[in-house]
Amino acid sequence: MPKMKTDSGAKKRIKVTGSGRLRRRKAFRGHLLEKKSSKRTRRLGREADVAPGQAKNVKKLMGL
């Protein structure tokens, strides 16, 4: 069997930490930022963990 290829869309968007957790960027931070409060944009700037329900599928895409 050939090797599994990593999904190129997933590898651009998701980072794997040293302990194996999956980190992603939050949505709604791309544009139209004037109307969003500073508190909200700061919160959206942080990275988040991939939800446990999606982690299994994302790991498969990442080739983990």
C-alpha atoms as a PDB file:
ATOM      1  CA  MET A   1       0.000   0.000   0.000  1.00  0.00           C
ATOM      2  CA  PRO A   2       1.254   3.531  -0.728  1.00  0.00           C
ATOM      3  CA  LYS A   3       1.685   6.047   2.063  1.00  0.00           C
ATOM      4  CA  MET A   4      -1.299   8.163   3.100  1.00  0.00           C
ATOM      5  CA  LYS A   5      -1.016  11.758   1.921  1.00  0.00           C
ATOM      6  CA  THR A   6      -1.623  14.582   4.396  1.00  0.00           C
ATOM      7  CA  ASP A   7      -4.598  16.718   3.388  1.00  0.00           C
ATOM      8  CA  SER A   8      -2.969  19.963   2.235  1.00  0.00           C
ATOM      9  CA  GLY A   9      -5.899  22.119   3.389  1.00  0.00           C
ATOM     10  CA  ALA A  10      -5.683  20.665   6.887  1.00  0.00           C
ATOM     11  CA  LYS A  11      -1.910  20.999   7.194  1.00  0.00           C
ATOM     12  CA  LYS A  12      -2.155  24.730   6.398  1.00  0.00           C
ATOM     13  CA  ARG A  13      -4.817  25.314   9.047  1.00  0.00           C
ATOM     14  CA  ILE A  14      -3.990  22.982  11.924  1.00  0.00           C
ATOM     15  CA  LYS A  15      -0.922  22.731  14.127  1.00  0.00           C
ATOM     16  CA  VAL A  16       0.049  19.701  16.203  1.00  0.00           C
ATOM     17  CA  THR A  17       1.551  20.488  19.602  1.00  0.00           C
ATOM     18  CA  GLY A  18       4.393  18.561  21.177  1.00  0.00           C
ATOM     19  CA  SER A  19       1.931  16.611  23.303  1.00  0.00           C
ATOM     20  CA  GLY A  20      -0.133  15.734  20.213  1.00  0.00           C
ATOM     21  CA  ARG A  21      -3.013  18.170  20.709  1.00  0.00           C
ATOM     22  CA  LEU A  22      -4.511  19.820  17.625  1.00  0.00           C
ATOM     23  CA  ARG A  23      -4.669  23.623  17.542  1.00  0.00           C
ATOM     24  CA  ARG A  24      -6.694  25.753  15.119  1.00  0.00           C
ATOM     25  CA  ARG A  25      -7.335  29.404  14.383  1.00  0.00           C
ATOM     26  CA  LYS A  26     -10.688  30.909  15.376  1.00  0.00           C
ATOM     27  CA  ALA A  27     -13.170  32.217  12.819  1.00  0.00           C
ATOM     28  CA  PHE A  28     -14.473  35.814  12.419  1.00  0.00           C
ATOM     29  CA  ARG A  29     -11.094  37.555  12.690  1.00  0.00           C
ATOM     30  CA  GLY A  30     -10.476  38.084   8.969  1.00  0.00           C
ATOM     31  CA  HIS A  31     -12.238  41.379   8.203  1.00  0.00           C
ATOM     32  CA  LEU A  32     -14.968  43.822   9.341  1.00  0.00           C
ATOM     33  CA  LEU A  33     -13.069  44.345  12.592  1.00  0.00           C
ATOM     34  CA  GLU A  34     -14.182  47.933  13.296  1.00  0.00           C
ATOM     35  CA  LYS A  35     -17.577  46.862  14.555  1.00  0.00           C
ATOM     36  CA  LYS A  36     -16.190  44.093  16.770  1.00  0.00           C
ATOM     37  CA  SER A  37     -15.064  45.070  20.249  1.00  0.00           C
ATOM     38  CA  SER A  38     -11.390  44.961  21.210  1.00  0.00           C
ATOM     39  CA  LYS A  39     -12.208  42.328  23.802  1.00  0.00           C
ATOM     40  CA  ARG A  40     -13.807  40.148  21.148  1.00  0.00           C
ATOM     41  CA  THR A  41     -10.996  40.514  18.598  1.00  0.00           C
ATOM     42  CA  ARG A  42      -8.375  39.706  21.261  1.00  0.00           C
ATOM     43  CA  ARG A  43     -10.287  36.575  22.206  1.00  0.00           C
ATOM     44  CA  LEU A  44     -10.597  35.546  18.554  1.00  0.00           C
ATOM     45  CA  GLY A  45      -6.868  36.058  18.067  1.00  0.00           C
ATOM     46  CA  ARG A  46      -5.986  33.167  20.358  1.00  0.00           C
ATOM     47  CA  GLU A  47      -5.661  29.641  19.073  1.00  0.00           C
ATOM     48  CA  ALA A  48      -8.208  27.029  20.142  1.00  0.00           C
ATOM     49  CA  ASP A  49      -8.178  23.270  20.457  1.00  0.00           C
ATOM     50  CA  VAL A  50      -9.993  21.221  17.839  1.00  0.00           C
ATOM     51  CA  ALA A  51     -13.259  19.910  19.335  1.00  0.00           C
ATOM     52  CA  PRO A  52     -13.089  16.316  20.630  1.00  0.00           C
ATOM     53  CA  GLY A  53     -15.844  15.253  18.246  1.00  0.00           C
ATOM     54  CA  GLN A  54     -13.832  16.447  15.245  1.00  0.00           C
ATOM     55  CA  ALA A  55     -10.380  15.455  16.470  1.00  0.00           C
ATOM     56  CA  LYS A  56     -10.607  11.881  15.167  1.00  0.00           C
ATOM     57  CA  ASN A  57     -11.435  12.997  11.622  1.00  0.00           C
ATOM     58  CA  VAL A  58      -8.849  15.787  11.671  1.00  0.00           C
ATOM     59  CA  LYS A  59      -6.124  13.379  12.812  1.00  0.00           C
ATOM     60  CA  LYS A  60      -6.955  11.178   9.839  1.00  0.00           C
ATOM     61  CA  LEU A  61      -6.606  14.177   7.509  1.00  0.00           C
ATOM     62  CA  MET A  62      -3.270  15.062   9.104  1.00  0.00           C
ATOM     63  CA  GLY A  63      -1.997  11.514   8.699  1.00  0.00           C
ATOM     64  CA  LEU A  64      -1.678  10.929  12.457  1.00  0.00           C
END
